[in-house]
């Protein structure tokens, strides 16, 4: 992984790799996020596989929390006695 490779964080937004440290057969990457002026660390293998829950090589979009109609009906029934809210 090259220095200044773009990395995206769920909370911090876009950043870039500023350093790496070998860790066994893997590497720990230090990523700097300029907007919040924060650093975070991620394993190279997790970043490449896309298995890290908070960082990615691709832009991260906020997950939309859509609730199915059946689930919404059940929740309304449980808390509001079936009255639509």
PDB file of N, CA and C in Angstrom:
ATOM      1  N   UNK A   1       0.865  -1.171   0.000  1.00  0.00           N
ATOM      2  CA  UNK A   1       0.000   0.000   0.000  1.00  0.00           C
ATOM      3  C   UNK A   1       0.907   1.228   0.000  1.00  0.00           C
ATOM      4  N   UNK A   2       0.652   2.130  -0.909  1.00  0.00           N
ATOM      5  CA  UNK A   2       1.467   3.331  -1.029  1.00  0.00           C
ATOM      6  C   UNK A   2       1.019   4.411  -0.052  1.00  0.00           C
ATOM      7  N   UNK A   3       1.968   5.243   0.315  1.00  0.00           N
ATOM      8  CA  UNK A   3       1.641   6.388   1.153  1.00  0.00           C
ATOM      9  C   UNK A   3       0.728   7.320   0.353  1.00  0.00           C
ATOM     10  N   UNK A   4      -0.217   7.949   1.015  1.00  0.00           N
ATOM     11  CA  UNK A   4      -1.202   8.861   0.446  1.00  0.00           C
ATOM     12  C   UNK A   4      -2.314   8.161  -0.340  1.00  0.00           C
ATOM     13  N   UNK A   5      -2.418   6.818  -0.204  1.00  0.00           N
ATOM     14  CA  UNK A   5      -3.553   6.110  -0.788  1.00  0.00           C
ATOM     15  C   UNK A   5      -4.810   6.571  -0.061  1.00  0.00           C
ATOM     16  N   UNK A   6      -5.874   6.881  -0.807  1.00  0.00           N
ATOM     17  CA  UNK A   6      -7.114   7.366  -0.191  1.00  0.00           C
ATOM     18  C   UNK A   6      -7.824   6.237   0.548  1.00  0.00           C
ATOM     19  N   UNK A   7      -8.309   6.565   1.734  1.00  0.00           N
ATOM     20  CA  UNK A   7      -9.069   5.642   2.570  1.00  0.00           C
ATOM     21  C   UNK A   7     -10.288   6.409   3.083  1.00  0.00           C
ATOM     22  N   UNK A   8     -11.405   5.717   3.174  1.00  0.00           N
ATOM     23  CA  UNK A   8     -12.643   6.351   3.625  1.00  0.00           C
ATOM     24  C   UNK A   8     -13.073   5.758   4.958  1.00  0.00           C
ATOM     25  N   UNK A   9     -13.484   6.615   5.869  1.00  0.00           N
ATOM     26  CA  UNK A   9     -13.884   6.230   7.221  1.00  0.00           C
ATOM     27  C   UNK A   9     -15.354   6.580   7.406  1.00  0.00           C
ATOM     28  N   UNK A  10     -16.093   5.739   8.104  1.00  0.00           N
ATOM     29  CA  UNK A  10     -17.519   5.964   8.334  1.00  0.00           C
ATOM     30  C   UNK A  10     -17.761   7.295   9.023  1.00  0.00           C
ATOM     31  N   UNK A  11     -16.979   7.601  10.041  1.00  0.00           N
ATOM     32  CA  UNK A  11     -17.193   8.812  10.835  1.00  0.00           C
ATOM     33  C   UNK A  11     -16.357   9.999  10.359  1.00  0.00           C
ATOM     34  N   UNK A  12     -15.096   9.769   9.975  1.00  0.00           N
ATOM     35  CA  UNK A  12     -14.163  10.848   9.681  1.00  0.00           C
ATOM     36  C   UNK A  12     -14.139  11.287   8.216  1.00  0.00           C
ATOM     37  N   UNK A  13     -14.727  10.510   7.318  1.00  0.00           N
ATOM     38  CA  UNK A  13     -14.723  10.862   5.894  1.00  0.00           C
ATOM     39  C   UNK A  13     -13.462  10.398   5.194  1.00  0.00           C
ATOM     40  N   UNK A  14     -12.988  11.211   4.235  1.00  0.00           N
ATOM     41  CA  UNK A  14     -11.849  10.830   3.406  1.00  0.00           C
ATOM     42  C   UNK A  14     -10.533  11.164   4.088  1.00  0.00           C
ATOM     43  N   UNK A  15      -9.594  10.215   3.995  1.00  0.00           N
ATOM     44  CA  UNK A  15      -8.259  10.410   4.540  1.00  0.00           C
ATOM     45  C   UNK A  15      -7.237   9.752   3.644  1.00  0.00           C
ATOM     46  N   UNK A  16      -6.017   9.609   4.146  1.00  0.00           N
ATOM     47  CA  UNK A  16      -4.972   8.956   3.359  1.00  0.00           C
ATOM     48  C   UNK A  16      -3.969   8.260   4.277  1.00  0.00           C
ATOM     49  N   UNK A  17      -3.342   7.243   3.707  1.00  0.00           N
ATOM     50  CA  UNK A  17      -2.337   6.455   4.436  1.00  0.00           C
ATOM     51  C   UNK A  17      -1.108   7.326   4.650  1.00  0.00           C
ATOM     52  N   UNK A  18      -0.622   7.369   5.890  1.00  0.00           N
ATOM     53  CA  UNK A  18       0.582   8.146   6.193  1.00  0.00           C
ATOM     54  C   UNK A  18       1.736   7.279   6.691  1.00  0.00           C
ATOM     55  N   UNK A  19       1.460   6.015   6.989  1.00  0.00           N
ATOM     56  CA  UNK A  19       2.525   5.140   7.455  1.00  0.00           C
ATOM     57  C   UNK A  19       2.072   3.705   7.552  1.00  0.00           C
ATOM     58  N   UNK A  20       3.053   2.814   7.621  1.00  0.00           N
ATOM     59  CA  UNK A  20       2.732   1.391   7.789  1.00  0.00           C
ATOM     60  C   UNK A  20       3.792   0.720   8.637  1.00  0.00           C
ATOM     61  N   UNK A  21       3.340  -0.282   9.379  1.00  0.00           N
ATOM     62  CA  UNK A  21       4.229  -1.052  10.243  1.00  0.00           C
ATOM     63  C   UNK A  21       3.951  -2.525  10.017  1.00  0.00           C
ATOM     64  N   UNK A  22       5.010  -3.321   9.734  1.00  0.00           N
ATOM     65  CA  UNK A  22       4.794  -4.755   9.553  1.00  0.00           C
ATOM     66  C   UNK A  22       4.259  -5.398  10.820  1.00  0.00           C
ATOM     67  N   UNK A  23       3.337  -6.333  10.655  1.00  0.00           N
ATOM     68  CA  UNK A  23       2.793  -7.089  11.786  1.00  0.00           C
ATOM     69  C   UNK A  23       2.625  -8.532  11.319  1.00  0.00           C
ATOM     70  N   UNK A  24       3.620  -9.340  11.564  1.00  0.00           N
ATOM     71  CA  UNK A  24       3.597 -10.720  11.085  1.00  0.00           C
ATOM     72  C   UNK A  24       3.572 -10.732   9.564  1.00  0.00           C
ATOM     73  N   UNK A  25       2.563 -11.381   9.004  1.00  0.00           N
ATOM     74  CA  UNK A  25       2.417 -11.421   7.539  1.00  0.00           C
ATOM     75  C   UNK A  25       1.563 -10.271   7.027  1.00  0.00           C
ATOM     76  N   UNK A  26       1.152  -9.395   7.888  1.00  0.00           N
ATOM     77  CA  UNK A  26       0.259  -8.297   7.551  1.00  0.00           C
ATOM     78  C   UNK A  26       0.953  -6.967   7.830  1.00  0.00           C
ATOM     79  N   UNK A  27       0.237  -5.873   7.611  1.00  0.00           N
ATOM     80  CA  UNK A  27       0.739  -4.548   7.946  1.00  0.00           C
ATOM     81  C   UNK A  27      -0.354  -3.761   8.644  1.00  0.00           C
ATOM     82  N   UNK A  28       0.044  -2.928   9.592  1.00  0.00           N
ATOM     83  CA  UNK A  28      -0.879  -1.999  10.227  1.00  0.00           C
ATOM     84  C   UNK A  28      -0.662  -0.649   9.557  1.00  0.00           C
ATOM     85  N   UNK A  29      -1.740  -0.091   8.998  1.00  0.00           N
ATOM     86  CA  UNK A  29      -1.651   1.194   8.315  1.00  0.00           C
ATOM     87  C   UNK A  29      -2.166   2.300   9.227  1.00  0.00           C
ATOM     88  N   UNK A  30      -1.428   3.397   9.267  1.00  0.00           N
ATOM     89  CA  UNK A  30      -1.895   4.572   9.985  1.00  0.00           C
ATOM     90  C   UNK A  30      -2.500   5.507   8.943  1.00  0.00           C
ATOM     91  N   UNK A  31      -3.752   5.904   9.181  1.00  0.00           N
ATOM     92  CA  UNK A  31      -4.478   6.734   8.230  1.00  0.00           C
ATOM     93  C   UNK A  31      -4.814   8.061   8.898  1.00  0.00           C
ATOM     94  N   UNK A  32      -4.549   9.168   8.188  1.00  0.00           N
ATOM     95  CA  UNK A  32      -4.843  10.499   8.698  1.00  0.00           C
ATOM     96  C   UNK A  32      -6.062  11.057   7.970  1.00  0.00           C
ATOM     97  N   UNK A  33      -6.973  11.633   8.757  1.00  0.00           N
ATOM     98  CA  UNK A  33      -8.174  12.245   8.225  1.00  0.00           C
ATOM     99  C   UNK A  33      -8.085  13.740   8.505  1.00  0.00           C
ATOM    100  N   UNK A  34      -7.823  14.559   7.471  1.00  0.00           N
ATOM    101  CA  UNK A  34      -7.544  15.979   7.697  1.00  0.00           C
ATOM    102  C   UNK A  34      -8.722  16.810   8.202  1.00  0.00           C
ATOM    103  N   UNK A  35      -9.931  16.519   7.762  1.00  0.00           N
ATOM    104  CA  UNK A  35     -11.059  17.370   8.164  1.00  0.00           C
ATOM    105  C   UNK A  35     -11.254  17.365   9.684  1.00  0.00           C
ATOM    106  N   UNK A  36     -11.334  16.173  10.340  1.00  0.00           N
ATOM    107  CA  UNK A  36     -11.456  16.198  11.806  1.00  0.00           C
ATOM    108  C   UNK A  36     -10.105  16.199  12.514  1.00  0.00           C
ATOM    109  N   UNK A  37      -9.015  16.167  11.742  1.00  0.00           N
ATOM    110  CA  UNK A  37      -7.657  16.099  12.290  1.00  0.00           C
ATOM    111  C   UNK A  37      -7.501  14.909  13.232  1.00  0.00           C
ATOM    112  N   UNK A  38      -7.851  13.726  12.707  1.00  0.00           N
ATOM    113  CA  UNK A  38      -7.794  12.485  13.481  1.00  0.00           C
ATOM    114  C   UNK A  38      -6.960  11.441  12.750  1.00  0.00           C
ATOM    115  N   UNK A  39      -6.402  10.508  13.515  1.00  0.00           N
ATOM    116  CA  UNK A  39      -5.703   9.344  12.977  1.00  0.00           C
ATOM    117  C   UNK A  39      -6.479   8.092  13.368  1.00  0.00           C
ATOM    118  N   UNK A  40      -6.355   7.045  12.556  1.00  0.00           N
ATOM    119  CA  UNK A  40      -6.916   5.739  12.907  1.00  0.00           C
ATOM    120  C   UNK A  40      -6.023   4.689  12.271  1.00  0.00           C
ATOM    121  N   UNK A  41      -6.132   3.463  12.740  1.00  0.00           N
ATOM    122  CA  UNK A  41      -5.293   2.387  12.263  1.00  0.00           C
ATOM    123  C   UNK A  41      -6.154   1.258  11.734  1.00  0.00           C
ATOM    124  N   UNK A  42      -5.641   0.570  10.711  1.00  0.00           N
ATOM    125  CA  UNK A  42      -6.377  -0.530  10.091  1.00  0.00           C
ATOM    126  C   UNK A  42      -5.367  -1.551   9.561  1.00  0.00           C
ATOM    127  N   UNK A  43      -5.763  -2.818   9.590  1.00  0.00           N
ATOM    128  CA  UNK A  43      -4.922  -3.852   8.997  1.00  0.00           C
ATOM    129  C   UNK A  43      -5.045  -3.791   7.477  1.00  0.00           C
ATOM    130  N   UNK A  44      -3.929  -3.895   6.785  1.00  0.00           N
ATOM    131  CA  UNK A  44      -3.918  -3.865   5.333  1.00  0.00           C
ATOM    132  C   UNK A  44      -4.810  -4.957   4.760  1.00  0.00           C
ATOM    133  N   UNK A  45      -4.743  -6.160   5.317  1.00  0.00           N
ATOM    134  CA  UNK A  45      -5.536  -7.275   4.794  1.00  0.00           C
ATOM    135  C   UNK A  45      -7.033  -6.991   4.902  1.00  0.00           C
ATOM    136  N   UNK A  46      -7.484  -6.388   6.011  1.00  0.00           N
ATOM    137  CA  UNK A  46      -8.901  -6.057   6.179  1.00  0.00           C
ATOM    138  C   UNK A  46      -9.329  -4.973   5.190  1.00  0.00           C
ATOM    139  N   UNK A  47      -8.461  -4.007   4.960  1.00  0.00           N
ATOM    140  CA  UNK A  47      -8.778  -2.924   4.046  1.00  0.00           C
ATOM    141  C   UNK A  47      -8.898  -3.445   2.612  1.00  0.00           C
ATOM    142  N   UNK A  48      -7.969  -4.294   2.212  1.00  0.00           N
ATOM    143  CA  UNK A  48      -7.982  -4.844   0.850  1.00  0.00           C
ATOM    144  C   UNK A  48      -9.184  -5.765   0.642  1.00  0.00           C
ATOM    145  N   UNK A  49      -9.507  -6.590   1.641  1.00  0.00           N
ATOM    146  CA  UNK A  49     -10.657  -7.499   1.527  1.00  0.00           C
ATOM    147  C   UNK A  49     -11.985  -6.772   1.674  1.00  0.00           C
ATOM    148  N   UNK A  50     -11.959  -5.575   2.217  1.00  0.00           N
ATOM    149  CA  UNK A  50     -13.195  -4.831   2.451  1.00  0.00           C
ATOM    150  C   UNK A  50     -13.946  -5.335   3.663  1.00  0.00           C
ATOM    151  N   UNK A  51     -13.237  -5.987   4.593  1.00  0.00           N
ATOM    152  CA  UNK A  51     -13.889  -6.568   5.763  1.00  0.00           C
ATOM    153  C   UNK A  51     -13.809  -5.692   7.012  1.00  0.00           C
ATOM    154  N   UNK A  52     -13.174  -4.534   6.910  1.00  0.00           N
ATOM    155  CA  UNK A  52     -13.125  -3.640   8.064  1.00  0.00           C
ATOM    156  C   UNK A  52     -14.464  -2.928   8.180  1.00  0.00           C
ATOM    157  N   UNK A  53     -15.072  -2.900   9.376  1.00  0.00           N
ATOM    158  CA  UNK A  53     -16.413  -2.311   9.513  1.00  0.00           C
ATOM    159  C   UNK A  53     -16.462  -0.788   9.411  1.00  0.00           C
ATOM    160  N   UNK A  54     -15.335  -0.098   9.603  1.00  0.00           N
ATOM    161  CA  UNK A  54     -15.395   1.361   9.596  1.00  0.00           C
ATOM    162  C   UNK A  54     -14.546   2.041   8.524  1.00  0.00           C
ATOM    163  N   UNK A  55     -13.654   1.305   7.851  1.00  0.00           N
ATOM    164  CA  UNK A  55     -12.820   1.903   6.811  1.00  0.00           C
ATOM    165  C   UNK A  55     -12.875   1.090   5.532  1.00  0.00           C
ATOM    166  N   UNK A  56     -12.676   1.807   4.408  1.00  0.00           N
ATOM    167  CA  UNK A  56     -12.761   1.165   3.104  1.00  0.00           C
ATOM    168  C   UNK A  56     -11.912   1.935   2.100  1.00  0.00           C
ATOM    169  N   UNK A  57     -11.537   1.249   1.018  1.00  0.00           N
ATOM    170  CA  UNK A  57     -10.842   1.913  -0.077  1.00  0.00           C
ATOM    171  C   UNK A  57     -11.831   2.610  -1.007  1.00  0.00           C
ATOM    172  N   UNK A  58     -13.110   2.287  -0.864  1.00  0.00           N
ATOM    173  CA  UNK A  58     -14.166   2.902  -1.667  1.00  0.00           C
ATOM    174  C   UNK A  58     -14.971   3.834  -0.768  1.00  0.00           C
ATOM    175  N   UNK A  59     -15.535   4.900  -1.341  1.00  0.00           N
ATOM    176  CA  UNK A  59     -16.356   5.809  -0.518  1.00  0.00           C
ATOM    177  C   UNK A  59     -17.470   5.054   0.201  1.00  0.00           C
ATOM    178  N   UNK A  60     -17.682   5.406   1.451  1.00  0.00           N
ATOM    179  CA  UNK A  60     -18.683   4.744   2.289  1.00  0.00           C
ATOM    180  C   UNK A  60     -19.924   5.628   2.335  1.00  0.00           C
ATOM    181  N   UNK A  61     -21.056   5.035   2.035  1.00  0.00           N
ATOM    182  CA  UNK A  61     -22.308   5.763   2.160  1.00  0.00           C
ATOM    183  C   UNK A  61     -22.977   5.321   3.447  1.00  0.00           C
ATOM    184  N   UNK A  62     -23.694   6.231   4.053  1.00  0.00           N
ATOM    185  CA  UNK A  62     -24.405   5.912   5.290  1.00  0.00           C
ATOM    186  C   UNK A  62     -25.465   4.854   4.997  1.00  0.00           C
ATOM    187  N   UNK A  63     -25.524   3.796   5.791  1.00  0.00           N
ATOM    188  CA  UNK A  63     -26.563   2.797   5.559  1.00  0.00           C
ATOM    189  C   UNK A  63     -27.935   3.382   5.869  1.00  0.00           C
ATOM    190  N   UNK A  64     -28.866   3.120   4.974  1.00  0.00           N
ATOM    191  CA  UNK A  64     -30.226   3.590   5.232  1.00  0.00           C
ATOM    192  C   UNK A  64     -30.941   2.527   6.039  1.00  0.00           C
ATOM    193  N   UNK A  65     -31.637   2.969   7.052  1.00  0.00           N
ATOM    194  CA  UNK A  65     -32.336   2.036   7.934  1.00  0.00           C
ATOM    195  C   UNK A  65     -33.798   1.972   7.532  1.00  0.00           C
ATOM    196  N   UNK A  66     -34.084   1.078   6.583  1.00  0.00           N
ATOM    197  CA  UNK A  66     -35.454   0.906   6.137  1.00  0.00           C
ATOM    198  C   UNK A  66     -36.075  -0.240   6.914  1.00  0.00           C
ATOM    199  N   UNK A  67     -37.292  -0.030   7.373  1.00  0.00           N
ATOM    200  CA  UNK A  67     -38.002  -1.043   8.135  1.00  0.00           C
ATOM    201  C   UNK A  67     -39.141  -1.557   7.269  1.00  0.00           C
ATOM    202  N   UNK A  68     -39.273  -2.873   7.193  1.00  0.00           N
ATOM    203  CA  UNK A  68     -40.331  -3.443   6.372  1.00  0.00           C
ATOM    204  C   UNK A  68     -41.705  -3.067   6.951  1.00  0.00           C
ATOM    205  N   UNK A  69     -42.722  -3.087   6.086  1.00  0.00           N
ATOM    206  CA  UNK A  69     -44.084  -2.750   6.517  1.00  0.00           C
ATOM    207  C   UNK A  69     -44.574  -3.699   7.606  1.00  0.00           C
ATOM    208  N   UNK A  70     -44.255  -5.002   7.480  1.00  0.00           N
ATOM    209  CA  UNK A  70     -44.686  -5.973   8.487  1.00  0.00           C
ATOM    210  C   UNK A  70     -44.060  -5.667   9.843  1.00  0.00           C
ATOM    211  N   UNK A  71     -42.777  -5.347   9.844  1.00  0.00           N
ATOM    212  CA  UNK A  71     -42.085  -5.032  11.086  1.00  0.00           C
ATOM    213  C   UNK A  71     -42.638  -3.739  11.685  1.00  0.00           C
ATOM    214  N   UNK A  72     -42.857  -2.733  10.830  1.00  0.00           N
ATOM    215  CA  UNK A  72     -43.412  -1.474  11.319  1.00  0.00           C
ATOM    216  C   UNK A  72     -44.797  -1.689  11.917  1.00  0.00           C
ATOM    217  N   UNK A  73     -45.611  -2.527  11.298  1.00  0.00           N
ATOM    218  CA  UNK A  73     -46.949  -2.829  11.818  1.00  0.00           C
ATOM    219  C   UNK A  73     -46.860  -3.514  13.174  1.00  0.00           C
ATOM    220  N   UNK A  74     -45.933  -4.447  13.306  1.00  0.00           N
ATOM    221  CA  UNK A  74     -45.758  -5.157  14.569  1.00  0.00           C
ATOM    222  C   UNK A  74     -45.318  -4.202  15.673  1.00  0.00           C
ATOM    223  N   UNK A  75     -44.419  -3.290  15.353  1.00  0.00           N
ATOM    224  CA  UNK A  75     -43.946  -2.315  16.342  1.00  0.00           C
ATOM    225  C   UNK A  75     -45.080  -1.387  16.752  1.00  0.00           C
ATOM    226  N   UNK A  76     -45.846  -0.908  15.758  1.00  0.00           N
ATOM    227  CA  UNK A  76     -46.985  -0.038  16.069  1.00  0.00           C
ATOM    228  C   UNK A  76     -47.995  -0.760  16.946  1.00  0.00           C
ATOM    229  N   UNK A  77     -48.256  -2.012  16.627  1.00  0.00           N
ATOM    230  CA  UNK A  77     -49.221  -2.799  17.387  1.00  0.00           C
ATOM    231  C   UNK A  77     -48.747  -2.988  18.828  1.00  0.00           C
ATOM    232  N   UNK A  78     -47.473  -3.266  18.993  1.00  0.00           N
ATOM    233  CA  UNK A  78     -46.908  -3.519  20.316  1.00  0.00           C
ATOM    234  C   UNK A  78     -46.935  -2.269  21.182  1.00  0.00           C
ATOM    235  N   UNK A  79     -46.473  -1.137  20.635  1.00  0.00           N
ATOM    236  CA  UNK A  79     -46.335   0.064  21.437  1.00  0.00           C
ATOM    237  C   UNK A  79     -47.537   0.997  21.411  1.00  0.00           C
ATOM    238  N   UNK A  80     -48.284   0.975  20.330  1.00  0.00           N
ATOM    239  CA  UNK A  80     -49.366   1.945  20.190  1.00  0.00           C
ATOM    240  C   UNK A  80     -50.734   1.297  20.028  1.00  0.00           C
ATOM    241  N   UNK A  81     -50.849   0.013  20.283  1.00  0.00           N
ATOM    242  CA  UNK A  81     -52.141  -0.686  20.189  1.00  0.00           C
ATOM    243  C   UNK A  81     -52.677  -0.768  18.778  1.00  0.00           C
ATOM    244  N   UNK A  82     -51.792  -0.781  17.777  1.00  0.00           N
ATOM    245  CA  UNK A  82     -52.216  -0.931  16.409  1.00  0.00           C
ATOM    246  C   UNK A  82     -52.601   0.368  15.728  1.00  0.00           C
ATOM    247  N   UNK A  83     -52.492   1.486  16.428  1.00  0.00           N
ATOM    248  CA  UNK A  83     -52.848   2.770  15.832  1.00  0.00           C
ATOM    249  C   UNK A  83     -51.682   3.271  14.977  1.00  0.00           C
ATOM    250  N   UNK A  84     -51.940   3.640  13.733  1.00  0.00           N
ATOM    251  CA  UNK A  84     -50.843   4.132  12.893  1.00  0.00           C
ATOM    252  C   UNK A  84     -50.299   5.447  13.438  1.00  0.00           C
ATOM    253  N   UNK A  85     -49.022   5.610  13.334  1.00  0.00           N
ATOM    254  CA  UNK A  85     -48.382   6.834  13.826  1.00  0.00           C
ATOM    255  C   UNK A  85     -47.940   7.684  12.669  1.00  0.00           C
TER     256      UNK A  85
END
